[in-house]
Amino acid sequence: PVSPFVKVKIFGVRCDQNEQKTLTISNNGLNPIWNHLMQFSICIPELCLLRFTVKDNDKSNTDLGQYSIPFLSMQSGYRHIRLLDIYNNPTTATLFVNVKIINTDNAT
């Protein structure tokens, strides 16, 4: 049985680069529920790429699935993120996430 965790990494300019991960769900690869809040501050969204990676908490942190998306392509709300395998082929696995994008620009 796998013990998965999710890592979200942001690629972009230096001020935007960041990564966070969830706790590991022991021995539940079929239907893990993380219920984990992640918050990121983005300075230049046009240059940001988000990468979602699901890994097994074994000695080598085996990749179970991944998906990358430009930040500006993310939409607020509940979303299913379909994961790809290590060869970028679609899998049947998805991450169910709730995305909330808050724009704090005070420009008028």
N, C-alpha and C. Protein backbone atom coordinates (compact mmCIF):
# COMPACT_ATOMS: atom_id res chain seq x y z
N PRO A 1 0.83 -1.21 0.00
CA PRO A 1 0.00 0.00 0.00
C PRO A 1 0.87 1.26 0.00
N VAL A 2 0.36 2.28 -0.66
CA VAL A 2 1.10 3.54 -0.72
C VAL A 2 0.64 4.48 0.38
N SER A 3 1.53 5.38 0.76
CA SER A 3 1.25 6.42 1.74
C SER A 3 1.51 7.76 1.07
N PRO A 4 0.49 8.32 0.40
CA PRO A 4 0.71 9.49 -0.45
C PRO A 4 0.71 10.82 0.31
N PHE A 5 1.41 11.78 -0.31
CA PHE A 5 1.31 13.18 0.08
C PHE A 5 1.35 14.00 -1.19
N VAL A 6 0.90 15.26 -1.10
CA VAL A 6 0.85 16.14 -2.26
C VAL A 6 1.82 17.29 -2.05
N LYS A 7 2.59 17.58 -3.10
CA LYS A 7 3.48 18.73 -3.07
C LYS A 7 3.03 19.69 -4.16
N VAL A 8 2.88 20.96 -3.81
CA VAL A 8 2.55 22.00 -4.78
C VAL A 8 3.75 22.93 -4.85
N LYS A 9 4.29 23.08 -6.05
CA LYS A 9 5.47 23.90 -6.26
C LYS A 9 5.16 24.97 -7.28
N ILE A 10 5.63 26.20 -7.00
CA ILE A 10 5.41 27.31 -7.92
C ILE A 10 6.75 27.66 -8.56
N PHE A 11 6.74 27.67 -9.89
CA PHE A 11 7.90 28.09 -10.66
C PHE A 11 7.61 29.47 -11.22
N GLY A 12 8.60 30.33 -11.22
CA GLY A 12 8.44 31.68 -11.74
C GLY A 12 9.64 32.51 -11.38
N VAL A 13 9.43 33.81 -11.30
CA VAL A 13 10.53 34.68 -10.87
C VAL A 13 10.86 34.38 -9.41
N ARG A 14 12.01 34.82 -8.97
CA ARG A 14 12.51 34.45 -7.64
C ARG A 14 11.52 34.75 -6.51
N CYS A 15 10.83 35.89 -6.58
CA CYS A 15 9.91 36.24 -5.49
C CYS A 15 8.68 35.34 -5.45
N ASP A 16 8.38 34.64 -6.54
CA ASP A 16 7.20 33.77 -6.59
C ASP A 16 7.51 32.31 -6.30
N GLN A 17 8.76 31.89 -6.38
CA GLN A 17 9.11 30.50 -6.20
C GLN A 17 8.82 30.06 -4.77
N ASN A 18 8.10 28.96 -4.66
CA ASN A 18 7.67 28.48 -3.34
C ASN A 18 7.21 27.03 -3.49
N GLU A 19 7.18 26.31 -2.41
CA GLU A 19 6.60 24.97 -2.42
C GLU A 19 6.07 24.64 -1.03
N GLN A 20 5.00 23.87 -1.03
CA GLN A 20 4.38 23.39 0.21
C GLN A 20 3.93 21.96 -0.02
N LYS A 21 3.80 21.22 1.07
CA LYS A 21 3.30 19.86 0.94
C LYS A 21 2.35 19.53 2.08
N THR A 22 1.54 18.52 1.82
CA THR A 22 0.57 18.06 2.82
C THR A 22 1.24 17.05 3.74
N LEU A 23 0.51 16.64 4.73
CA LEU A 23 0.94 15.53 5.56
C LEU A 23 0.75 14.24 4.76
N THR A 24 1.39 13.18 5.19
CA THR A 24 1.25 11.88 4.54
C THR A 24 0.04 11.15 5.10
N ILE A 25 -0.73 10.54 4.22
CA ILE A 25 -1.85 9.69 4.62
C ILE A 25 -1.35 8.25 4.56
N SER A 26 -1.17 7.64 5.70
CA SER A 26 -0.56 6.30 5.77
C SER A 26 -1.47 5.22 5.21
N ASN A 27 -0.91 4.41 4.34
CA ASN A 27 -1.56 3.21 3.79
C ASN A 27 -2.94 3.46 3.20
N ASN A 28 -3.12 4.60 2.51
CA ASN A 28 -4.41 4.89 1.88
C ASN A 28 -4.16 5.56 0.53
N GLY A 29 -3.82 4.76 -0.46
CA GLY A 29 -3.62 5.29 -1.79
C GLY A 29 -4.89 5.34 -2.63
N LEU A 30 -5.95 4.69 -2.17
CA LEU A 30 -7.18 4.62 -2.94
C LEU A 30 -8.01 5.89 -2.84
N ASN A 31 -8.19 6.40 -1.62
CA ASN A 31 -9.03 7.58 -1.43
C ASN A 31 -8.51 8.44 -0.27
N PRO A 32 -7.30 8.98 -0.40
CA PRO A 32 -6.77 9.81 0.69
C PRO A 32 -7.48 11.16 0.73
N ILE A 33 -7.67 11.68 1.93
CA ILE A 33 -8.26 13.00 2.11
C ILE A 33 -7.29 13.82 2.96
N TRP A 34 -6.77 14.89 2.38
CA TRP A 34 -5.78 15.70 3.09
C TRP A 34 -6.43 16.86 3.84
N ASN A 35 -7.42 17.52 3.26
CA ASN A 35 -8.07 18.66 3.89
C ASN A 35 -7.04 19.65 4.41
N HIS A 36 -6.15 20.07 3.51
CA HIS A 36 -5.00 20.90 3.86
C HIS A 36 -5.08 22.23 3.11
N LEU A 37 -4.89 23.32 3.83
CA LEU A 37 -4.94 24.65 3.23
C LEU A 37 -3.52 25.09 2.87
N MET A 38 -3.35 25.54 1.64
CA MET A 38 -2.08 26.11 1.20
C MET A 38 -2.34 27.51 0.69
N GLN A 39 -1.47 28.44 1.06
CA GLN A 39 -1.60 29.82 0.61
C GLN A 39 -0.28 30.26 -0.02
N PHE A 40 -0.39 30.91 -1.17
CA PHE A 40 0.78 31.41 -1.87
C PHE A 40 0.55 32.87 -2.23
N SER A 41 1.61 33.66 -2.19
CA SER A 41 1.56 35.03 -2.68
C SER A 41 2.29 35.06 -4.01
N ILE A 42 1.64 35.63 -5.00
CA ILE A 42 2.19 35.67 -6.35
C ILE A 42 2.41 37.12 -6.74
N CYS A 43 3.62 37.46 -7.17
CA CYS A 43 3.94 38.82 -7.60
C CYS A 43 3.69 39.03 -9.09
N ILE A 44 4.16 38.08 -9.91
CA ILE A 44 4.04 38.19 -11.36
C ILE A 44 3.34 36.93 -11.88
N PRO A 45 2.00 36.92 -11.87
CA PRO A 45 1.26 35.72 -12.24
C PRO A 45 1.47 35.29 -13.69
N GLU A 46 1.81 36.22 -14.57
CA GLU A 46 2.00 35.89 -15.98
C GLU A 46 3.15 34.91 -16.19
N LEU A 47 4.10 34.87 -15.25
CA LEU A 47 5.28 34.01 -15.39
C LEU A 47 5.25 32.81 -14.45
N CYS A 48 4.12 32.55 -13.79
CA CYS A 48 4.04 31.47 -12.80
C CYS A 48 3.46 30.19 -13.41
N LEU A 49 4.04 29.09 -12.96
CA LEU A 49 3.57 27.76 -13.32
C LEU A 49 3.40 26.98 -12.02
N LEU A 50 2.24 26.35 -11.83
CA LEU A 50 1.99 25.53 -10.65
C LEU A 50 2.17 24.07 -11.02
N ARG A 51 2.84 23.34 -10.15
CA ARG A 51 3.01 21.90 -10.38
C ARG A 51 2.48 21.15 -9.17
N PHE A 52 1.50 20.29 -9.40
CA PHE A 52 0.94 19.42 -8.38
C PHE A 52 1.59 18.05 -8.55
N THR A 53 2.18 17.53 -7.49
CA THR A 53 2.81 16.22 -7.54
C THR A 53 2.30 15.38 -6.39
N VAL A 54 1.87 14.15 -6.68
CA VAL A 54 1.50 13.20 -5.63
C VAL A 54 2.64 12.20 -5.54
N LYS A 55 3.15 12.04 -4.33
CA LYS A 55 4.30 11.16 -4.11
C LYS A 55 3.98 10.14 -3.03
N ASP A 56 4.68 9.02 -3.09
CA ASP A 56 4.58 8.00 -2.05
C ASP A 56 5.67 8.29 -1.02
N ASN A 57 5.33 8.20 0.24
CA ASN A 57 6.27 8.49 1.31
C ASN A 57 7.16 7.28 1.59
N ASP A 58 7.72 6.70 0.54
CA ASP A 58 8.69 5.63 0.72
C ASP A 58 10.09 6.25 0.73
N LYS A 59 11.11 5.42 0.79
CA LYS A 59 12.47 5.95 0.89
C LYS A 59 12.87 6.81 -0.30
N SER A 60 12.33 6.53 -1.48
CA SER A 60 12.72 7.30 -2.67
C SER A 60 11.69 8.35 -3.07
N ASN A 61 10.62 8.53 -2.29
CA ASN A 61 9.54 9.48 -2.62
C ASN A 61 9.07 9.28 -4.06
N THR A 62 8.64 8.07 -4.38
CA THR A 62 8.20 7.70 -5.71
C THR A 62 7.07 8.60 -6.20
N ASP A 63 7.19 9.10 -7.43
CA ASP A 63 6.12 9.90 -8.03
C ASP A 63 4.95 9.01 -8.42
N LEU A 64 3.75 9.37 -7.95
CA LEU A 64 2.54 8.64 -8.30
C LEU A 64 1.76 9.34 -9.40
N GLY A 65 1.93 10.64 -9.52
CA GLY A 65 1.24 11.41 -10.54
C GLY A 65 1.60 12.88 -10.42
N GLN A 66 1.43 13.62 -11.52
CA GLN A 66 1.75 15.04 -11.50
C GLN A 66 0.94 15.77 -12.55
N TYR A 67 0.83 17.09 -12.37
CA TYR A 67 0.19 17.94 -13.37
C TYR A 67 0.70 19.36 -13.19
N SER A 68 1.04 20.01 -14.29
CA SER A 68 1.50 21.40 -14.27
C SER A 68 0.53 22.26 -15.05
N ILE A 69 0.32 23.49 -14.54
CA ILE A 69 -0.63 24.39 -15.18
C ILE A 69 -0.16 25.83 -14.97
N PRO A 70 -0.28 26.68 -16.00
CA PRO A 70 0.03 28.09 -15.81
C PRO A 70 -0.93 28.70 -14.77
N PHE A 71 -0.39 29.58 -13.94
CA PHE A 71 -1.22 30.17 -12.89
C PHE A 71 -2.44 30.88 -13.46
N LEU A 72 -2.27 31.60 -14.56
CA LEU A 72 -3.41 32.34 -15.13
C LEU A 72 -4.48 31.43 -15.72
N SER A 73 -4.19 30.14 -15.87
CA SER A 73 -5.19 29.18 -16.34
C SER A 73 -6.01 28.59 -15.20
N MET A 74 -5.58 28.81 -13.96
CA MET A 74 -6.34 28.31 -12.80
C MET A 74 -7.61 29.13 -12.65
N GLN A 75 -8.69 28.46 -12.31
CA GLN A 75 -9.95 29.15 -12.06
C GLN A 75 -10.39 28.85 -10.64
N SER A 76 -11.03 29.83 -10.01
CA SER A 76 -11.53 29.64 -8.66
C SER A 76 -12.64 28.60 -8.64
N GLY A 77 -12.76 27.93 -7.51
CA GLY A 77 -13.82 26.95 -7.32
C GLY A 77 -13.27 25.55 -7.14
N TYR A 78 -14.19 24.60 -7.07
CA TYR A 78 -13.82 23.19 -6.93
C TYR A 78 -13.42 22.64 -8.30
N ARG A 79 -12.29 21.96 -8.33
CA ARG A 79 -11.75 21.46 -9.59
C ARG A 79 -11.18 20.06 -9.39
N HIS A 80 -11.29 19.24 -10.43
CA HIS A 80 -10.59 17.95 -10.49
C HIS A 80 -9.36 18.16 -11.36
N ILE A 81 -8.21 17.87 -10.82
CA ILE A 81 -6.96 17.98 -11.57
C ILE A 81 -6.56 16.56 -11.97
N ARG A 82 -6.62 16.26 -13.26
CA ARG A 82 -6.28 14.92 -13.75
C ARG A 82 -4.76 14.77 -13.77
N LEU A 83 -4.28 13.74 -13.08
CA LEU A 83 -2.85 13.52 -12.95
C LEU A 83 -2.29 12.76 -14.14
N LEU A 84 -1.03 13.03 -14.45
CA LEU A 84 -0.29 12.35 -15.50
C LEU A 84 0.76 11.46 -14.87
N ASP A 85 1.13 10.38 -15.57
CA ASP A 85 2.18 9.51 -15.04
C ASP A 85 3.56 10.07 -15.40
N ILE A 86 4.62 9.31 -15.11
CA ILE A 86 5.97 9.83 -15.34
C ILE A 86 6.30 9.99 -16.82
N TYR A 87 5.48 9.41 -17.70
CA TYR A 87 5.68 9.56 -19.14
C TYR A 87 4.71 10.58 -19.73
N ASN A 88 4.03 11.35 -18.89
CA ASN A 88 3.03 12.36 -19.28
C ASN A 88 1.81 11.76 -19.95
N ASN A 89 1.50 10.52 -19.63
CA ASN A 89 0.26 9.90 -20.11
C ASN A 89 -0.83 10.10 -19.06
N PRO A 90 -2.06 10.36 -19.48
CA PRO A 90 -3.15 10.54 -18.51
C PRO A 90 -3.39 9.27 -17.69
N THR A 91 -3.74 9.47 -16.43
CA THR A 91 -4.12 8.37 -15.56
C THR A 91 -5.58 8.55 -15.18
N THR A 92 -6.12 7.62 -14.42
CA THR A 92 -7.49 7.77 -13.93
C THR A 92 -7.54 8.54 -12.61
N ALA A 93 -6.37 8.86 -12.06
CA ALA A 93 -6.30 9.55 -10.77
C ALA A 93 -6.50 11.05 -10.94
N THR A 94 -7.21 11.64 -9.98
CA THR A 94 -7.40 13.09 -9.95
C THR A 94 -7.17 13.61 -8.54
N LEU A 95 -6.85 14.89 -8.47
CA LEU A 95 -6.85 15.62 -7.20
C LEU A 95 -8.08 16.50 -7.21
N PHE A 96 -8.85 16.46 -6.15
CA PHE A 96 -10.03 17.31 -6.02
C PHE A 96 -9.63 18.48 -5.14
N VAL A 97 -9.59 19.68 -5.71
CA VAL A 97 -9.10 20.85 -4.99
C VAL A 97 -10.13 21.97 -5.02
N ASN A 98 -10.03 22.85 -4.05
CA ASN A 98 -10.83 24.08 -4.03
C ASN A 98 -9.85 25.24 -4.16
N VAL A 99 -9.93 25.93 -5.29
CA VAL A 99 -9.01 27.04 -5.58
C VAL A 99 -9.71 28.35 -5.26
N LYS A 100 -8.99 29.21 -4.54
CA LYS A 100 -9.53 30.53 -4.24
C LYS A 100 -8.44 31.54 -4.58
N ILE A 101 -8.70 32.38 -5.57
CA ILE A 101 -7.73 33.38 -6.00
C ILE A 101 -8.22 34.74 -5.54
N ILE A 102 -7.40 35.38 -4.75
CA ILE A 102 -7.76 36.70 -4.20
C ILE A 102 -6.82 37.73 -4.79
N ASN A 103 -7.38 38.69 -5.49
CA ASN A 103 -6.58 39.76 -6.09
C ASN A 103 -6.54 40.92 -5.11
N THR A 104 -5.37 41.28 -4.67
CA THR A 104 -5.26 42.36 -3.69
C THR A 104 -4.69 43.63 -4.32
N ASP A 105 -4.74 43.74 -5.66
CA ASP A 105 -4.29 44.96 -6.33
C ASP A 105 -5.18 46.11 -5.91
N ASN A 106 -4.55 47.20 -5.54
CA ASN A 106 -5.30 48.40 -5.17
C ASN A 106 -5.23 49.45 -6.27
N ALA A 107 -4.85 49.01 -7.46
CA ALA A 107 -4.73 49.95 -8.58
C ALA A 107 -6.10 50.42 -9.03
N THR A 108 -6.22 51.70 -9.31
CA THR A 108 -7.49 52.25 -9.81
C THR A 108 -7.28 53.01 -11.08
